[in-house]
Amino acid sequence: MLVNMSEYKFYIKPGHVDFRKAINGLAIIVQNDMKLHPFSKSLFLFCNRTKKQIKILYWDKNGFCLWQKKLEKQRFPWPGNSEQARQISQEQMKMLLEGIDFFNAHKELTYTRV
């Protein structure tokens, strides 16, 4: 992937996507389901049903790029069946590709009384 990551936003599509879809089908999901602009400076991440594969779609100057990673043994951490796109940070995307489940990380607790 040869993009300047600091210029891009990162969005994931919670739930699974049919991985028979290629560039055109995924771009339609970005536009219609995620309600985002597929030609924007954004990377769109999709996961298959078994959570063993990820596809990343992005627009690069004059055409779409599609990147895919397939795991042989483990599974990717992935959020459930929310229909809305979820924006993540560049660091979270790196953690996701390395298998770190930041979706279920400890949440900060706040109390007003003892």
C-alpha atoms as a PDB file:
ATOM      1  CA  MET A   1       0.000   0.000   0.000  1.00  0.00           C
ATOM      2  CA  LEU A   2       1.748   3.138  -1.196  1.00  0.00           C
ATOM      3  CA  VAL A   3      -0.299   5.994   0.236  1.00  0.00           C
ATOM      4  CA  ASN A   4       0.519   8.750   2.669  1.00  0.00           C
ATOM      5  CA  MET A   5      -1.600   7.454   5.542  1.00  0.00           C
ATOM      6  CA  SER A   6      -1.609  10.776   7.380  1.00  0.00           C
ATOM      7  CA  GLU A   7      -3.792  12.268   4.618  1.00  0.00           C
ATOM      8  CA  TYR A   8      -6.513   9.624   4.878  1.00  0.00           C
ATOM      9  CA  LYS A   9      -9.468   8.843   7.139  1.00  0.00           C
ATOM     10  CA  PHE A  10     -10.253   5.210   7.982  1.00  0.00           C
ATOM     11  CA  TYR A  11     -13.731   3.687   8.065  1.00  0.00           C
ATOM     12  CA  ILE A  12     -14.813   0.144   8.824  1.00  0.00           C
ATOM     13  CA  LYS A  13     -18.054  -1.503   7.816  1.00  0.00           C
ATOM     14  CA  PRO A  14     -19.219  -3.432  10.905  1.00  0.00           C
ATOM     15  CA  GLY A  15     -20.596  -6.906  10.300  1.00  0.00           C
ATOM     16  CA  HIS A  16     -19.593  -8.978   7.308  1.00  0.00           C
ATOM     17  CA  VAL A  17     -19.586  -8.325   3.582  1.00  0.00           C
ATOM     18  CA  ASP A  18     -19.921 -10.831   0.738  1.00  0.00           C
ATOM     19  CA  PHE A  19     -16.335 -11.196  -0.479  1.00  0.00           C
ATOM     20  CA  ARG A  20     -17.412 -12.091  -3.990  1.00  0.00           C
ATOM     21  CA  LYS A  21     -17.825  -8.320  -4.344  1.00  0.00           C
ATOM     22  CA  ALA A  22     -14.943  -6.540  -6.013  1.00  0.00           C
ATOM     23  CA  ILE A  23     -14.193  -2.837  -6.450  1.00  0.00           C
ATOM     24  CA  ASN A  24     -17.521  -1.756  -7.945  1.00  0.00           C
ATOM     25  CA  GLY A  25     -19.629  -3.691  -5.440  1.00  0.00           C
ATOM     26  CA  LEU A  26     -17.636  -2.406  -2.466  1.00  0.00           C
ATOM     27  CA  ALA A  27     -17.806   1.186  -3.773  1.00  0.00           C
ATOM     28  CA  ILE A  28     -21.603   0.852  -3.915  1.00  0.00           C
ATOM     29  CA  ILE A  29     -21.620  -0.355  -0.283  1.00  0.00           C
ATOM     30  CA  VAL A  30     -19.540   2.689   0.706  1.00  0.00           C
ATOM     31  CA  GLN A  31     -21.937   5.038  -1.038  1.00  0.00           C
ATOM     32  CA  ASN A  32     -25.311   3.438  -0.278  1.00  0.00           C
ATOM     33  CA  ASP A  33     -24.878   1.560   3.021  1.00  0.00           C
ATOM     34  CA  MET A  34     -22.130   3.531   4.729  1.00  0.00           C
ATOM     35  CA  LYS A  35     -23.393   6.882   3.344  1.00  0.00           C
ATOM     36  CA  LEU A  36     -19.835   7.988   2.554  1.00  0.00           C
ATOM     37  CA  HIS A  37     -18.133   9.277  -0.594  1.00  0.00           C
ATOM     38  CA  PRO A  38     -16.001   6.508  -2.170  1.00  0.00           C
ATOM     39  CA  PHE A  39     -13.777   9.060  -3.970  1.00  0.00           C
ATOM     40  CA  SER A  40     -12.777  10.837  -0.759  1.00  0.00           C
ATOM     41  CA  LYS A  41      -9.338  10.530   0.849  1.00  0.00           C
ATOM     42  CA  SER A  42     -10.505   7.576   2.916  1.00  0.00           C
ATOM     43  CA  LEU A  43      -9.709   3.902   3.294  1.00  0.00           C
ATOM     44  CA  PHE A  44     -12.743   1.642   3.662  1.00  0.00           C
ATOM     45  CA  LEU A  45     -12.253  -1.665   5.482  1.00  0.00           C
ATOM     46  CA  PHE A  46     -14.484  -4.717   5.040  1.00  0.00           C
ATOM     47  CA  CYS A  47     -14.402  -8.163   6.632  1.00  0.00           C
ATOM     48  CA  ASN A  48     -15.811 -11.489   5.468  1.00  0.00           C
ATOM     49  CA  ARG A  49     -18.182 -13.719   7.437  1.00  0.00           C
ATOM     50  CA  THR A  50     -15.458 -15.918   8.952  1.00  0.00           C
ATOM     51  CA  LYS A  51     -13.326 -12.886   9.954  1.00  0.00           C
ATOM     52  CA  LYS A  52     -10.298 -14.408   8.235  1.00  0.00           C
ATOM     53  CA  GLN A  53     -10.097 -11.868   5.397  1.00  0.00           C
ATOM     54  CA  ILE A  54     -10.059  -8.091   5.138  1.00  0.00           C
ATOM     55  CA  LYS A  55     -10.404  -5.936   2.046  1.00  0.00           C
ATOM     56  CA  ILE A  56      -9.393  -2.281   1.945  1.00  0.00           C
ATOM     57  CA  LEU A  57     -10.770  -0.043  -0.796  1.00  0.00           C
ATOM     58  CA  TYR A  58      -9.518   3.463  -1.561  1.00  0.00           C
ATOM     59  CA  TRP A  59      -9.397   5.974  -4.387  1.00  0.00           C
ATOM     60  CA  ASP A  60      -5.883   6.871  -5.561  1.00  0.00           C
ATOM     61  CA  LYS A  61      -5.829   9.900  -7.903  1.00  0.00           C
ATOM     62  CA  ASN A  62      -7.189   8.199 -11.018  1.00  0.00           C
ATOM     63  CA  GLY A  63      -8.577   4.836  -9.951  1.00  0.00           C
ATOM     64  CA  PHE A  64      -9.625   2.554  -7.125  1.00  0.00           C
ATOM     65  CA  CYS A  65      -7.169   0.323  -5.301  1.00  0.00           C
ATOM     66  CA  LEU A  66      -8.219  -2.868  -3.562  1.00  0.00           C
ATOM     67  CA  TRP A  67      -5.968  -4.471  -0.982  1.00  0.00           C
ATOM     68  CA  GLN A  68      -6.722  -7.836   0.637  1.00  0.00           C
ATOM     69  CA  LYS A  69      -5.251  -9.765   3.554  1.00  0.00           C
ATOM     70  CA  LYS A  70      -6.126 -13.377   4.346  1.00  0.00           C
ATOM     71  CA  LEU A  71      -5.186 -15.028   7.634  1.00  0.00           C
ATOM     72  CA  GLU A  72      -4.273 -18.697   7.703  1.00  0.00           C
ATOM     73  CA  LYS A  73      -5.086 -19.465  11.355  1.00  0.00           C
ATOM     74  CA  GLN A  74      -6.335 -16.561  13.462  1.00  0.00           C
ATOM     75  CA  ARG A  75      -9.319 -14.254  12.996  1.00  0.00           C
ATOM     76  CA  PHE A  76      -9.519 -10.492  12.814  1.00  0.00           C
ATOM     77  CA  PRO A  77     -11.218  -8.671  15.699  1.00  0.00           C
ATOM     78  CA  TRP A  78     -14.292  -7.055  14.162  1.00  0.00           C
ATOM     79  CA  PRO A  79     -17.368  -5.224  15.472  1.00  0.00           C
ATOM     80  CA  GLY A  80     -20.764  -6.896  15.208  1.00  0.00           C
ATOM     81  CA  ASN A  81     -23.792  -6.034  13.169  1.00  0.00           C
ATOM     82  CA  SER A  82     -24.083  -2.275  13.383  1.00  0.00           C
ATOM     83  CA  GLU A  83     -25.158  -0.821  10.047  1.00  0.00           C
ATOM     84  CA  GLN A  84     -23.309   2.480  10.449  1.00  0.00           C
ATOM     85  CA  ALA A  85     -19.762   3.082   9.345  1.00  0.00           C
ATOM     86  CA  ARG A  86     -17.328   3.509  12.191  1.00  0.00           C
ATOM     87  CA  GLN A  87     -14.352   5.831  11.842  1.00  0.00           C
ATOM     88  CA  ILE A  88     -11.113   4.589  13.349  1.00  0.00           C
ATOM     89  CA  SER A  89      -7.667   6.111  13.707  1.00  0.00           C
ATOM     90  CA  GLN A  90      -4.539   5.162  11.789  1.00  0.00           C
ATOM     91  CA  GLU A  91      -3.153   3.508  14.931  1.00  0.00           C
ATOM     92  CA  GLN A  92      -6.346   1.481  15.362  1.00  0.00           C
ATOM     93  CA  MET A  93      -6.126   0.308  11.758  1.00  0.00           C
ATOM     94  CA  LYS A  94      -2.571  -0.897  12.361  1.00  0.00           C
ATOM     95  CA  MET A  95      -3.704  -2.708  15.531  1.00  0.00           C
ATOM     96  CA  LEU A  96      -6.604  -4.277  13.632  1.00  0.00           C
ATOM     97  CA  LEU A  97      -4.277  -5.646  10.941  1.00  0.00           C
ATOM     98  CA  GLU A  98      -2.038  -7.061  13.686  1.00  0.00           C
ATOM     99  CA  GLY A  99      -4.983  -8.739  15.426  1.00  0.00           C
ATOM    100  CA  ILE A 100      -5.234  -6.475  18.477  1.00  0.00           C
ATOM    101  CA  ASP A 101      -8.861  -6.204  19.612  1.00  0.00           C
ATOM    102  CA  PHE A 102      -9.258  -2.549  20.530  1.00  0.00           C
ATOM    103  CA  PHE A 103     -13.050  -2.859  20.150  1.00  0.00           C
ATOM    104  CA  ASN A 104     -13.237  -4.700  23.482  1.00  0.00           C
ATOM    105  CA  ALA A 105     -10.523  -2.778  25.311  1.00  0.00           C
ATOM    106  CA  HIS A 106     -11.151  -1.661  28.864  1.00  0.00           C
ATOM    107  CA  LYS A 107     -13.452   1.333  28.977  1.00  0.00           C
ATOM    108  CA  GLU A 108     -12.763   4.285  31.246  1.00  0.00           C
ATOM    109  CA  LEU A 109     -14.948   4.316  34.329  1.00  0.00           C
ATOM    110  CA  THR A 110     -16.082   7.543  35.949  1.00  0.00           C
ATOM    111  CA  TYR A 111     -17.772   7.812  39.308  1.00  0.00           C
ATOM    112  CA  THR A 112     -19.382  10.710  41.127  1.00  0.00           C
ATOM    113  CA  ARG A 113     -19.489   9.083  44.586  1.00  0.00           C
ATOM    114  CA  VAL A 114     -17.800   6.325  46.543  1.00  0.00           C
END
